[in-house]
Amino acid sequence: MNTLSSHVLDTTLGKPVAGLPITLYTCRGDSLQTQTDHDGRCSQWQDADFIAGEYRLRFHCQTYLCQTHGQSFYPFVDISFLLGDQSSHYHVPLLISPYGFSSYRGS
């Protein structure tokens, strides 16, 4: 079975982002709400079954960026990705700052 995790890092401060709300949109049309833990990580998706298909993570970053840096160009960041049909672990990190973000497939 596939598994999914994420990690959010504030590149301006060089620190993880705790308590950031995340919405996962599954290939079946469901949406699940969660948030990052104290270390900016997230791997708790209720009882999601990660079958092959297209998924999207929405990171709700505006409140955090405004409170921490006084401004945010992005109200949220959406990252769409594909999960394969083999049993793999997928890690989707997000690096954010008030005016930029990046992501990649981690391990």
PDB file of N, CA and C in Angstrom:
ATOM      1  N   MET A   1       0.840  -1.180   0.000  1.00  0.00           N
ATOM      2  CA  MET A   1       0.000   0.000   0.000  1.00  0.00           C
ATOM      3  C   MET A   1       0.888   1.246   0.000  1.00  0.00           C
ATOM      4  N   ASN A   2       0.480   2.270  -0.733  1.00  0.00           N
ATOM      5  CA  ASN A   2       1.191   3.544  -0.747  1.00  0.00           C
ATOM      6  C   ASN A   2       1.009   4.266   0.579  1.00  0.00           C
ATOM      7  N   THR A   3       2.008   5.051   0.950  1.00  0.00           N
ATOM      8  CA  THR A   3       1.917   5.938   2.106  1.00  0.00           C
ATOM      9  C   THR A   3       2.334   7.332   1.673  1.00  0.00           C
ATOM     10  N   LEU A   4       1.905   8.336   2.440  1.00  0.00           N
ATOM     11  CA  LEU A   4       2.166   9.733   2.093  1.00  0.00           C
ATOM     12  C   LEU A   4       2.554  10.512   3.337  1.00  0.00           C
ATOM     13  N   SER A   5       3.577  11.347   3.191  1.00  0.00           N
ATOM     14  CA  SER A   5       3.955  12.267   4.260  1.00  0.00           C
ATOM     15  C   SER A   5       4.327  13.606   3.640  1.00  0.00           C
ATOM     16  N   SER A   6       4.403  14.628   4.497  1.00  0.00           N
ATOM     17  CA  SER A   6       4.786  15.956   4.054  1.00  0.00           C
ATOM     18  C   SER A   6       5.580  16.631   5.166  1.00  0.00           C
ATOM     19  N   HIS A   7       6.242  17.712   4.808  1.00  0.00           N
ATOM     20  CA  HIS A   7       7.055  18.473   5.752  1.00  0.00           C
ATOM     21  C   HIS A   7       7.060  19.907   5.247  1.00  0.00           C
ATOM     22  N   VAL A   8       6.799  20.866   6.116  1.00  0.00           N
ATOM     23  CA  VAL A   8       6.793  22.275   5.719  1.00  0.00           C
ATOM     24  C   VAL A   8       7.902  22.998   6.460  1.00  0.00           C
ATOM     25  N   LEU A   9       8.763  23.676   5.673  1.00  0.00           N
ATOM     26  CA  LEU A   9       9.876  24.428   6.239  1.00  0.00           C
ATOM     27  C   LEU A   9       9.793  25.884   5.807  1.00  0.00           C
ATOM     28  N   ASP A  10      10.022  26.783   6.746  1.00  0.00           N
ATOM     29  CA  ASP A  10      10.089  28.215   6.478  1.00  0.00           C
ATOM     30  C   ASP A  10      11.545  28.512   6.115  1.00  0.00           C
ATOM     31  N   THR A  11      11.794  28.804   4.848  1.00  0.00           N
ATOM     32  CA  THR A  11      13.176  28.998   4.401  1.00  0.00           C
ATOM     33  C   THR A  11      13.759  30.330   4.858  1.00  0.00           C
ATOM     34  N   THR A  12      12.912  31.287   5.200  1.00  0.00           N
ATOM     35  CA  THR A  12      13.404  32.571   5.695  1.00  0.00           C
ATOM     36  C   THR A  12      14.001  32.408   7.091  1.00  0.00           C
ATOM     37  N   LEU A  13      13.321  31.647   7.939  1.00  0.00           N
ATOM     38  CA  LEU A  13      13.778  31.433   9.309  1.00  0.00           C
ATOM     39  C   LEU A  13      14.633  30.179   9.461  1.00  0.00           C
ATOM     40  N   GLY A  14      14.574  29.292   8.473  1.00  0.00           N
ATOM     41  CA  GLY A  14      15.295  28.036   8.586  1.00  0.00           C
ATOM     42  C   GLY A  14      14.707  27.110   9.632  1.00  0.00           C
ATOM     43  N   LYS A  15      13.361  27.151   9.775  1.00  0.00           N
ATOM     44  CA  LYS A  15      12.695  26.359  10.811  1.00  0.00           C
ATOM     45  C   LYS A  15      11.465  25.653  10.250  1.00  0.00           C
ATOM     46  N   PRO A  16      11.061  24.540  10.887  1.00  0.00           N
ATOM     47  CA  PRO A  16       9.814  23.890  10.493  1.00  0.00           C
ATOM     48  C   PRO A  16       8.610  24.740  10.875  1.00  0.00           C
ATOM     49  N   VAL A  17       7.512  24.546  10.155  1.00  0.00           N
ATOM     50  CA  VAL A  17       6.275  25.285  10.406  1.00  0.00           C
ATOM     51  C   VAL A  17       5.293  24.364  11.126  1.00  0.00           C
ATOM     52  N   ALA A  18       5.048  24.634  12.386  1.00  0.00           N
ATOM     53  CA  ALA A  18       4.122  23.829  13.184  1.00  0.00           C
ATOM     54  C   ALA A  18       2.702  24.369  13.054  1.00  0.00           C
ATOM     55  N   GLY A  19       1.729  23.467  13.065  1.00  0.00           N
ATOM     56  CA  GLY A  19       0.320  23.847  13.084  1.00  0.00           C
ATOM     57  C   GLY A  19      -0.223  24.398  11.777  1.00  0.00           C
ATOM     58  N   LEU A  20       0.455  24.158  10.659  1.00  0.00           N
ATOM     59  CA  LEU A  20      -0.026  24.664   9.365  1.00  0.00           C
ATOM     60  C   LEU A  20      -1.150  23.768   8.851  1.00  0.00           C
ATOM     61  N   PRO A  21      -2.339  24.321   8.580  1.00  0.00           N
ATOM     62  CA  PRO A  21      -3.444  23.509   8.063  1.00  0.00           C
ATOM     63  C   PRO A  21      -3.159  23.013   6.641  1.00  0.00           C
ATOM     64  N   ILE A  22      -3.519  21.761   6.392  1.00  0.00           N
ATOM     65  CA  ILE A  22      -3.341  21.138   5.081  1.00  0.00           C
ATOM     66  C   ILE A  22      -4.623  20.414   4.710  1.00  0.00           C
ATOM     67  N   THR A  23      -5.029  20.547   3.452  1.00  0.00           N
ATOM     68  CA  THR A  23      -6.150  19.774   2.916  1.00  0.00           C
ATOM     69  C   THR A  23      -5.595  18.829   1.863  1.00  0.00           C
ATOM     70  N   LEU A  24      -5.947  17.557   1.981  1.00  0.00           N
ATOM     71  CA  LEU A  24      -5.592  16.559   0.989  1.00  0.00           C
ATOM     72  C   LEU A  24      -6.824  16.250   0.161  1.00  0.00           C
ATOM     73  N   TYR A  25      -6.716  16.393  -1.157  1.00  0.00           N
ATOM     74  CA  TYR A  25      -7.779  16.033  -2.090  1.00  0.00           C
ATOM     75  C   TYR A  25      -7.368  14.714  -2.740  1.00  0.00           C
ATOM     76  N   THR A  26      -8.175  13.686  -2.586  1.00  0.00           N
ATOM     77  CA  THR A  26      -7.822  12.359  -3.079  1.00  0.00           C
ATOM     78  C   THR A  26      -8.324  12.145  -4.500  1.00  0.00           C
ATOM     79  N   CYS A  27      -7.852  11.069  -5.107  1.00  0.00           N
ATOM     80  CA  CYS A  27      -8.272  10.744  -6.470  1.00  0.00           C
ATOM     81  C   CYS A  27      -9.724  10.280  -6.515  1.00  0.00           C
ATOM     82  N   ARG A  28     -10.303   9.992  -5.378  1.00  0.00           N
ATOM     83  CA  ARG A  28     -11.712   9.586  -5.315  1.00  0.00           C
ATOM     84  C   ARG A  28     -12.644  10.771  -5.080  1.00  0.00           C
ATOM     85  N   GLY A  29     -12.083  11.963  -4.976  1.00  0.00           N
ATOM     86  CA  GLY A  29     -12.900  13.155  -4.787  1.00  0.00           C
ATOM     87  C   GLY A  29     -13.135  13.530  -3.332  1.00  0.00           C
ATOM     88  N   ASP A  30     -12.516  12.814  -2.407  1.00  0.00           N
ATOM     89  CA  ASP A  30     -12.645  13.139  -0.985  1.00  0.00           C
ATOM     90  C   ASP A  30     -11.649  14.226  -0.612  1.00  0.00           C
ATOM     91  N   SER A  31     -11.916  14.913   0.492  1.00  0.00           N
ATOM     92  CA  SER A  31     -10.943  15.848   1.038  1.00  0.00           C
ATOM     93  C   SER A  31     -10.791  15.571   2.527  1.00  0.00           C
ATOM     94  N   LEU A  32      -9.543  15.624   2.978  1.00  0.00           N
ATOM     95  CA  LEU A  32      -9.207  15.358   4.371  1.00  0.00           C
ATOM     96  C   LEU A  32      -8.455  16.554   4.925  1.00  0.00           C
ATOM     97  N   GLN A  33      -8.762  16.931   6.150  1.00  0.00           N
ATOM     98  CA  GLN A  33      -8.119  18.070   6.807  1.00  0.00           C
ATOM     99  C   GLN A  33      -7.138  17.561   7.856  1.00  0.00           C
ATOM    100  N   THR A  34      -5.975  18.196   7.933  1.00  0.00           N
ATOM    101  CA  THR A  34      -4.994  17.879   8.965  1.00  0.00           C
ATOM    102  C   THR A  34      -4.117  19.105   9.165  1.00  0.00           C
ATOM    103  N   GLN A  35      -3.073  18.967   9.962  1.00  0.00           N
ATOM    104  CA  GLN A  35      -2.112  20.053  10.132  1.00  0.00           C
ATOM    105  C   GLN A  35      -0.748  19.473  10.496  1.00  0.00           C
ATOM    106  N   THR A  36       0.285  20.285  10.304  1.00  0.00           N
ATOM    107  CA  THR A  36       1.624  19.836  10.623  1.00  0.00           C
ATOM    108  C   THR A  36       1.803  19.734  12.133  1.00  0.00           C
ATOM    109  N   ASP A  37       2.690  18.829  12.547  1.00  0.00           N
ATOM    110  CA  ASP A  37       2.972  18.666  13.972  1.00  0.00           C
ATOM    111  C   ASP A  37       4.010  19.691  14.422  1.00  0.00           C
ATOM    112  N   HIS A  38       4.547  19.545  15.627  1.00  0.00           N
ATOM    113  CA  HIS A  38       5.500  20.499  16.194  1.00  0.00           C
ATOM    114  C   HIS A  38       6.785  20.615  15.387  1.00  0.00           C
ATOM    115  N   ASP A  39       7.095  19.585  14.577  1.00  0.00           N
ATOM    116  CA  ASP A  39       8.301  19.583  13.757  1.00  0.00           C
ATOM    117  C   ASP A  39       7.997  19.885  12.287  1.00  0.00           C
ATOM    118  N   GLY A  40       6.786  20.377  12.006  1.00  0.00           N
ATOM    119  CA  GLY A  40       6.410  20.735  10.638  1.00  0.00           C
ATOM    120  C   GLY A  40       6.085  19.547   9.753  1.00  0.00           C
ATOM    121  N   ARG A  41       5.931  18.368  10.353  1.00  0.00           N
ATOM    122  CA  ARG A  41       5.682  17.144   9.576  1.00  0.00           C
ATOM    123  C   ARG A  41       4.223  16.730   9.635  1.00  0.00           C
ATOM    124  N   CYS A  42       3.830  15.966   8.639  1.00  0.00           N
ATOM    125  CA  CYS A  42       2.470  15.460   8.590  1.00  0.00           C
ATOM    126  C   CYS A  42       2.448  14.102   7.901  1.00  0.00           C
ATOM    127  N   SER A  43       1.877  13.127   8.583  1.00  0.00           N
ATOM    128  CA  SER A  43       1.698  11.804   7.980  1.00  0.00           C
ATOM    129  C   SER A  43       0.388  11.176   8.440  1.00  0.00           C
ATOM    130  N   GLN A  44      -0.444  11.959   9.112  1.00  0.00           N
ATOM    131  CA  GLN A  44      -1.724  11.470   9.623  1.00  0.00           C
ATOM    132  C   GLN A  44      -2.844  11.906   8.674  1.00  0.00           C
ATOM    133  N   TRP A  45      -3.400  10.955   7.958  1.00  0.00           N
ATOM    134  CA  TRP A  45      -4.434  11.247   6.961  1.00  0.00           C
ATOM    135  C   TRP A  45      -5.709  10.470   7.260  1.00  0.00           C
ATOM    136  N   GLN A  46      -6.052  10.356   8.529  1.00  0.00           N
ATOM    137  CA  GLN A  46      -7.218   9.577   8.953  1.00  0.00           C
ATOM    138  C   GLN A  46      -7.066   8.163   8.405  1.00  0.00           C
ATOM    139  N   ASP A  47      -8.036   7.635   7.739  1.00  0.00           N
ATOM    140  CA  ASP A  47      -7.953   6.272   7.214  1.00  0.00           C
ATOM    141  C   ASP A  47      -7.863   6.261   5.692  1.00  0.00           C
ATOM    142  N   ALA A  48      -7.121   7.193   5.123  1.00  0.00           N
ATOM    143  CA  ALA A  48      -7.014   7.290   3.664  1.00  0.00           C
ATOM    144  C   ALA A  48      -6.351   6.038   3.087  1.00  0.00           C
ATOM    145  N   ASP A  49      -6.886   5.603   1.980  1.00  0.00           N
ATOM    146  CA  ASP A  49      -6.333   4.482   1.222  1.00  0.00           C
ATOM    147  C   ASP A  49      -5.695   5.072  -0.030  1.00  0.00           C
ATOM    148  N   PHE A  50      -4.382   5.086  -0.092  1.00  0.00           N
ATOM    149  CA  PHE A  50      -3.666   5.764  -1.168  1.00  0.00           C
ATOM    150  C   PHE A  50      -3.496   4.865  -2.391  1.00  0.00           C
ATOM    151  N   ILE A  51      -4.572   4.731  -3.130  1.00  0.00           N
ATOM    152  CA  ILE A  51      -4.540   3.978  -4.381  1.00  0.00           C
ATOM    153  C   ILE A  51      -3.887   4.843  -5.460  1.00  0.00           C
ATOM    154  N   ALA A  52      -3.539   4.228  -6.568  1.00  0.00           N
ATOM    155  CA  ALA A  52      -2.935   4.970  -7.673  1.00  0.00           C
ATOM    156  C   ALA A  52      -3.898   6.037  -8.178  1.00  0.00           C
ATOM    157  N   GLY A  53      -3.363   7.207  -8.491  1.00  0.00           N
ATOM    158  CA  GLY A  53      -4.185   8.279  -9.029  1.00  0.00           C
ATOM    159  C   GLY A  53      -3.592   9.641  -8.740  1.00  0.00           C
ATOM    160  N   GLU A  54      -4.365  10.667  -9.079  1.00  0.00           N
ATOM    161  CA  GLU A  54      -3.930  12.057  -8.901  1.00  0.00           C
ATOM    162  C   GLU A  54      -4.431  12.598  -7.573  1.00  0.00           C
ATOM    163  N   TYR A  55      -3.528  13.240  -6.845  1.00  0.00           N
ATOM    164  CA  TYR A  55      -3.826  13.819  -5.537  1.00  0.00           C
ATOM    165  C   TYR A  55      -3.387  15.275  -5.532  1.00  0.00           C
ATOM    166  N   ARG A  56      -3.901  16.017  -4.553  1.00  0.00           N
ATOM    167  CA  ARG A  56      -3.484  17.416  -4.408  1.00  0.00           C
ATOM    168  C   ARG A  56      -3.412  17.751  -2.930  1.00  0.00           C
ATOM    169  N   LEU A  57      -2.329  18.385  -2.541  1.00  0.00           N
ATOM    170  CA  LEU A  57      -2.186  18.925  -1.196  1.00  0.00           C
ATOM    171  C   LEU A  57      -2.346  20.437  -1.278  1.00  0.00           C
ATOM    172  N   ARG A  58      -3.207  20.980  -0.443  1.00  0.00           N
ATOM    173  CA  ARG A  58      -3.348  22.433  -0.336  1.00  0.00           C
ATOM    174  C   ARG A  58      -2.815  22.852   1.026  1.00  0.00           C
ATOM    175  N   PHE A  59      -1.748  23.640   1.000  1.00  0.00           N
ATOM    176  CA  PHE A  59      -1.129  24.158   2.206  1.00  0.00           C
ATOM    177  C   PHE A  59      -1.685  25.568   2.446  1.00  0.00           C
ATOM    178  N   HIS A  60      -2.399  25.749   3.527  1.00  0.00           N
ATOM    179  CA  HIS A  60      -3.037  27.030   3.847  1.00  0.00           C
ATOM    180  C   HIS A  60      -2.009  27.885   4.606  1.00  0.00           C
ATOM    181  N   CYS A  61      -1.213  28.644   3.867  1.00  0.00           N
ATOM    182  CA  CYS A  61      -0.040  29.298   4.449  1.00  0.00           C
ATOM    183  C   CYS A  61      -0.186  30.789   4.738  1.00  0.00           C
ATOM    184  N   GLN A  62      -1.251  31.425   4.282  1.00  0.00           N
ATOM    185  CA  GLN A  62      -1.354  32.881   4.422  1.00  0.00           C
ATOM    186  C   GLN A  62      -1.328  33.337   5.877  1.00  0.00           C
ATOM    187  N   THR A  63      -2.105  32.719   6.733  1.00  0.00           N
ATOM    188  CA  THR A  63      -2.154  33.143   8.138  1.00  0.00           C
ATOM    189  C   THR A  63      -0.777  33.023   8.775  1.00  0.00           C
ATOM    190  N   TYR A  64      -0.125  31.880   8.564  1.00  0.00           N
ATOM    191  CA  TYR A  64       1.211  31.685   9.138  1.00  0.00           C
ATOM    192  C   TYR A  64       2.180  32.749   8.623  1.00  0.00           C
ATOM    193  N   LEU A  65       2.234  32.953   7.308  1.00  0.00           N
ATOM    194  CA  LEU A  65       3.193  33.899   6.744  1.00  0.00           C
ATOM    195  C   LEU A  65       2.917  35.327   7.199  1.00  0.00           C
ATOM    196  N   CYS A  66       1.666  35.726   7.281  1.00  0.00           N
ATOM    197  CA  CYS A  66       1.338  37.079   7.747  1.00  0.00           C
ATOM    198  C   CYS A  66       1.694  37.266   9.221  1.00  0.00           C
ATOM    199  N   GLN A  67       1.393  36.257  10.042  1.00  0.00           N
ATOM    200  CA  GLN A  67       1.718  36.361  11.463  1.00  0.00           C
ATOM    201  C   GLN A  67       3.216  36.348  11.706  1.00  0.00           C
ATOM    202  N   THR A  68       3.952  35.588  10.921  1.00  0.00           N
ATOM    203  CA  THR A  68       5.386  35.415  11.140  1.00  0.00           C
ATOM    204  C   THR A  68       6.223  36.471  10.431  1.00  0.00           C
ATOM    205  N   HIS A  69       5.820  36.843   9.212  1.00  0.00           N
ATOM    206  CA  HIS A  69       6.629  37.749   8.396  1.00  0.00           C
ATOM    207  C   HIS A  69       5.922  39.057   8.046  1.00  0.00           C
ATOM    208  N   GLY A  70       4.673  39.201   8.441  1.00  0.00           N
ATOM    209  CA  GLY A  70       3.948  40.434   8.186  1.00  0.00           C
ATOM    210  C   GLY A  70       3.326  40.547   6.809  1.00  0.00           C
ATOM    211  N   GLN A  71       3.545  39.548   5.960  1.00  0.00           N
ATOM    212  CA  GLN A  71       2.994  39.585   4.611  1.00  0.00           C
ATOM    213  C   GLN A  71       3.045  38.211   3.967  1.00  0.00           C
ATOM    214  N   SER A  72       2.188  38.030   2.961  1.00  0.00           N
ATOM    215  CA  SER A  72       2.166  36.777   2.212  1.00  0.00           C
ATOM    216  C   SER A  72       1.640  37.051   0.818  1.00  0.00           C
ATOM    217  N   PHE A  73       2.369  36.653  -0.178  1.00  0.00           N
ATOM    218  CA  PHE A  73       1.909  36.778  -1.550  1.00  0.00           C
ATOM    219  C   PHE A  73       0.945  35.652  -1.894  1.00  0.00           C
ATOM    220  N   TYR A  74       1.106  34.515  -1.231  1.00  0.00           N
ATOM    221  CA  TYR A  74       0.312  33.320  -1.523  1.00  0.00           C
ATOM    222  C   TYR A  74      -0.681  33.029  -0.402  1.00  0.00           C
ATOM    223  N   PRO A  75      -1.990  33.008  -0.691  1.00  0.00           N
ATOM    224  CA  PRO A  75      -2.953  32.615   0.345  1.00  0.00           C
ATOM    225  C   PRO A  75      -2.870  31.115   0.638  1.00  0.00           C
ATOM    226  N   PHE A  76      -2.492  30.340  -0.365  1.00  0.00           N
ATOM    227  CA  PHE A  76      -2.292  28.899  -0.202  1.00  0.00           C
ATOM    228  C   PHE A  76      -1.363  28.432  -1.318  1.00  0.00           C
ATOM    229  N   VAL A  77      -0.835  27.221  -1.135  1.00  0.00           N
ATOM    230  CA  VAL A  77      -0.009  26.589  -2.161  1.00  0.00           C
ATOM    231  C   VAL A  77      -0.624  25.231  -2.454  1.00  0.00           C
ATOM    232  N   ASP A  78      -0.942  24.978  -3.714  1.00  0.00           N
ATOM    233  CA  ASP A  78      -1.447  23.673  -4.152  1.00  0.00           C
ATOM    234  C   ASP A  78      -0.333  22.908  -4.845  1.00  0.00           C
ATOM    235  N   ILE A  79      -0.184  21.647  -4.473  1.00  0.00           N
ATOM    236  CA  ILE A  79       0.772  20.764  -5.130  1.00  0.00           C
ATOM    237  C   ILE A  79       0.016  19.517  -5.569  1.00  0.00           C
ATOM    238  N   SER A  80      -0.061  19.322  -6.873  1.00  0.00           N
ATOM    239  CA  SER A  80      -0.708  18.132  -7.437  1.00  0.00           C
ATOM    240  C   SER A  80       0.368  17.122  -7.794  1.00  0.00           C
ATOM    241  N   PHE A  81       0.061  15.843  -7.594  1.00  0.00           N
ATOM    242  CA  PHE A  81       1.041  14.798  -7.853  1.00  0.00           C
ATOM    243  C   PHE A  81       0.323  13.486  -8.139  1.00  0.00           C
ATOM    244  N   LEU A  82       1.063  12.544  -8.694  1.00  0.00           N
ATOM    245  CA  LEU A  82       0.521  11.232  -9.048  1.00  0.00           C
ATOM    246  C   LEU A  82       1.128  10.148  -8.169  1.00  0.00           C
ATOM    247  N   LEU A  83       0.289   9.269  -7.653  1.00  0.00           N
ATOM    248  CA  LEU A  83       0.751   8.092  -6.935  1.00  0.00           C
ATOM    249  C   LEU A  83       0.642   6.897  -7.866  1.00  0.00           C
ATOM    250  N   GLY A  84       1.654   6.054  -7.851  1.00  0.00           N
ATOM    251  CA  GLY A  84       1.655   4.862  -8.685  1.00  0.00           C
ATOM    252  C   GLY A  84       0.899   3.717  -8.039  1.00  0.00           C
ATOM    253  N   ASP A  85       0.858   2.590  -8.728  1.00  0.00           N
ATOM    254  CA  ASP A  85       0.103   1.451  -8.229  1.00  0.00           C
ATOM    255  C   ASP A  85       0.965   0.464  -7.442  1.00  0.00           C
ATOM    256  N   GLN A  86       2.246   0.738  -7.302  1.00  0.00           N
ATOM    257  CA  GLN A  86       3.074  -0.116  -6.474  1.00  0.00           C
ATOM    258  C   GLN A  86       3.079   0.416  -5.035  1.00  0.00           C
ATOM    259  N   SER A  87       3.509  -0.400  -4.127  1.00  0.00           N
ATOM    260  CA  SER A  87       3.574   0.026  -2.725  1.00  0.00           C
ATOM    261  C   SER A  87       4.825   0.876  -2.521  1.00  0.00           C
ATOM    262  N   SER A  88       4.638   2.171  -2.444  1.00  0.00           N
ATOM    263  CA  SER A  88       5.750   3.103  -2.281  1.00  0.00           C
ATOM    264  C   SER A  88       5.408   4.137  -1.221  1.00  0.00           C
ATOM    265  N   HIS A  89       6.454   4.750  -0.689  1.00  0.00           N
ATOM    266  CA  HIS A  89       6.257   5.882   0.207  1.00  0.00           C
ATOM    267  C   HIS A  89       6.490   7.151  -0.606  1.00  0.00           C
ATOM    268  N   TYR A  90       5.570   8.085  -0.500  1.00  0.00           N
ATOM    269  CA  TYR A  90       5.664   9.368  -1.184  1.00  0.00           C
ATOM    270  C   TYR A  90       5.804  10.459  -0.132  1.00  0.00           C
ATOM    271  N   HIS A  91       6.786  11.323  -0.319  1.00  0.00           N
ATOM    272  CA  HIS A  91       7.015  12.438   0.602  1.00  0.00           C
ATOM    273  C   HIS A  91       6.998  13.719  -0.221  1.00  0.00           C
ATOM    274  N   VAL A  92       6.117  14.650   0.151  1.00  0.00           N
ATOM    275  CA  VAL A  92       5.939  15.897  -0.595  1.00  0.00           C
ATOM    276  C   VAL A  92       6.251  17.063   0.341  1.00  0.00           C
ATOM    277  N   PRO A  93       7.507  17.518   0.382  1.00  0.00           N
ATOM    278  CA  PRO A  93       7.855  18.648   1.232  1.00  0.00           C
ATOM    279  C   PRO A  93       7.516  19.979   0.569  1.00  0.00           C
ATOM    280  N   LEU A  94       7.295  20.980   1.409  1.00  0.00           N
ATOM    281  CA  LEU A  94       7.048  22.343   0.928  1.00  0.00           C
ATOM    282  C   LEU A  94       8.014  23.271   1.637  1.00  0.00           C
ATOM    283  N   LEU A  95       8.745  24.061   0.861  1.00  0.00           N
ATOM    284  CA  LEU A  95       9.625  25.105   1.383  1.00  0.00           C
ATOM    285  C   LEU A  95       8.948  26.431   1.071  1.00  0.00           C
ATOM    286  N   ILE A  96       8.683  27.226   2.111  1.00  0.00           N
ATOM    287  CA  ILE A  96       7.943  28.471   1.888  1.00  0.00           C
ATOM    288  C   ILE A  96       8.675  29.682   2.458  1.00  0.00           C
ATOM    289  N   SER A  97       8.357  30.821   1.893  1.00  0.00           N
ATOM    290  CA  SER A  97       8.752  32.135   2.382  1.00  0.00           C
ATOM    291  C   SER A  97       7.637  33.084   1.952  1.00  0.00           C
ATOM    292  N   PRO A  98       7.634  34.335   2.402  1.00  0.00           N
ATOM    293  CA  PRO A  98       6.529  35.226   2.035  1.00  0.00           C
ATOM    294  C   PRO A  98       6.329  35.402   0.528  1.00  0.00           C
ATOM    295  N   TYR A  99       7.392  35.255  -0.268  1.00  0.00           N
ATOM    296  CA  TYR A  99       7.282  35.511  -1.707  1.00  0.00           C
ATOM    297  C   TYR A  99       7.757  34.356  -2.582  1.00  0.00           C
ATOM    298  N   GLY A 100       7.855  33.176  -2.025  1.00  0.00           N
ATOM    299  CA  GLY A 100       8.298  32.056  -2.837  1.00  0.00           C
ATOM    300  C   GLY A 100       8.013  30.727  -2.176  1.00  0.00           C
ATOM    301  N   PHE A 101       7.990  29.682  -2.995  1.00  0.00           N
ATOM    302  CA  PHE A 101       7.852  28.325  -2.486  1.00  0.00           C
ATOM    303  C   PHE A 101       8.467  27.358  -3.477  1.00  0.00           C
ATOM    304  N   SER A 102       8.807  26.182  -2.987  1.00  0.00           N
ATOM    305  CA  SER A 102       9.269  25.104  -3.864  1.00  0.00           C
ATOM    306  C   SER A 102       8.923  23.773  -3.219  1.00  0.00           C
ATOM    307  N   SER A 103       8.923  22.750  -4.054  1.00  0.00           N
ATOM    308  CA  SER A 103       8.623  21.409  -3.593  1.00  0.00           C
ATOM    309  C   SER A 103       9.368  20.420  -4.477  1.00  0.00           C
ATOM    310  N   TYR A 104       9.421  19.190  -4.032  1.00  0.00           N
ATOM    311  CA  TYR A 104      10.077  18.122  -4.768  1.00  0.00           C
ATOM    312  C   TYR A 104       9.588  16.804  -4.189  1.00  0.00           C
ATOM    313  N   ARG A 105       9.871  15.706  -4.870  1.00  0.00           N
ATOM    314  CA  ARG A 105       9.539  14.412  -4.281  1.00  0.00           C
ATOM    315  C   ARG A 105      10.694  14.007  -3.375  1.00  0.00           C
ATOM    316  N   GLY A 106      10.394  13.979  -2.108  1.00  0.00           N
ATOM    317  CA  GLY A 106      11.411  13.599  -1.120  1.00  0.00           C
ATOM    318  C   GLY A 106      11.397  12.104  -0.877  1.00  0.00           C
ATOM    319  N   SER A 107      12.068  11.707   0.189  1.00  0.00           N
ATOM    320  CA  SER A 107      12.140  10.281   0.516  1.00  0.00           C
ATOM    321  C   SER A 107      11.692  10.032   1.942  1.00  0.00           C
TER     322      SER A 107
END
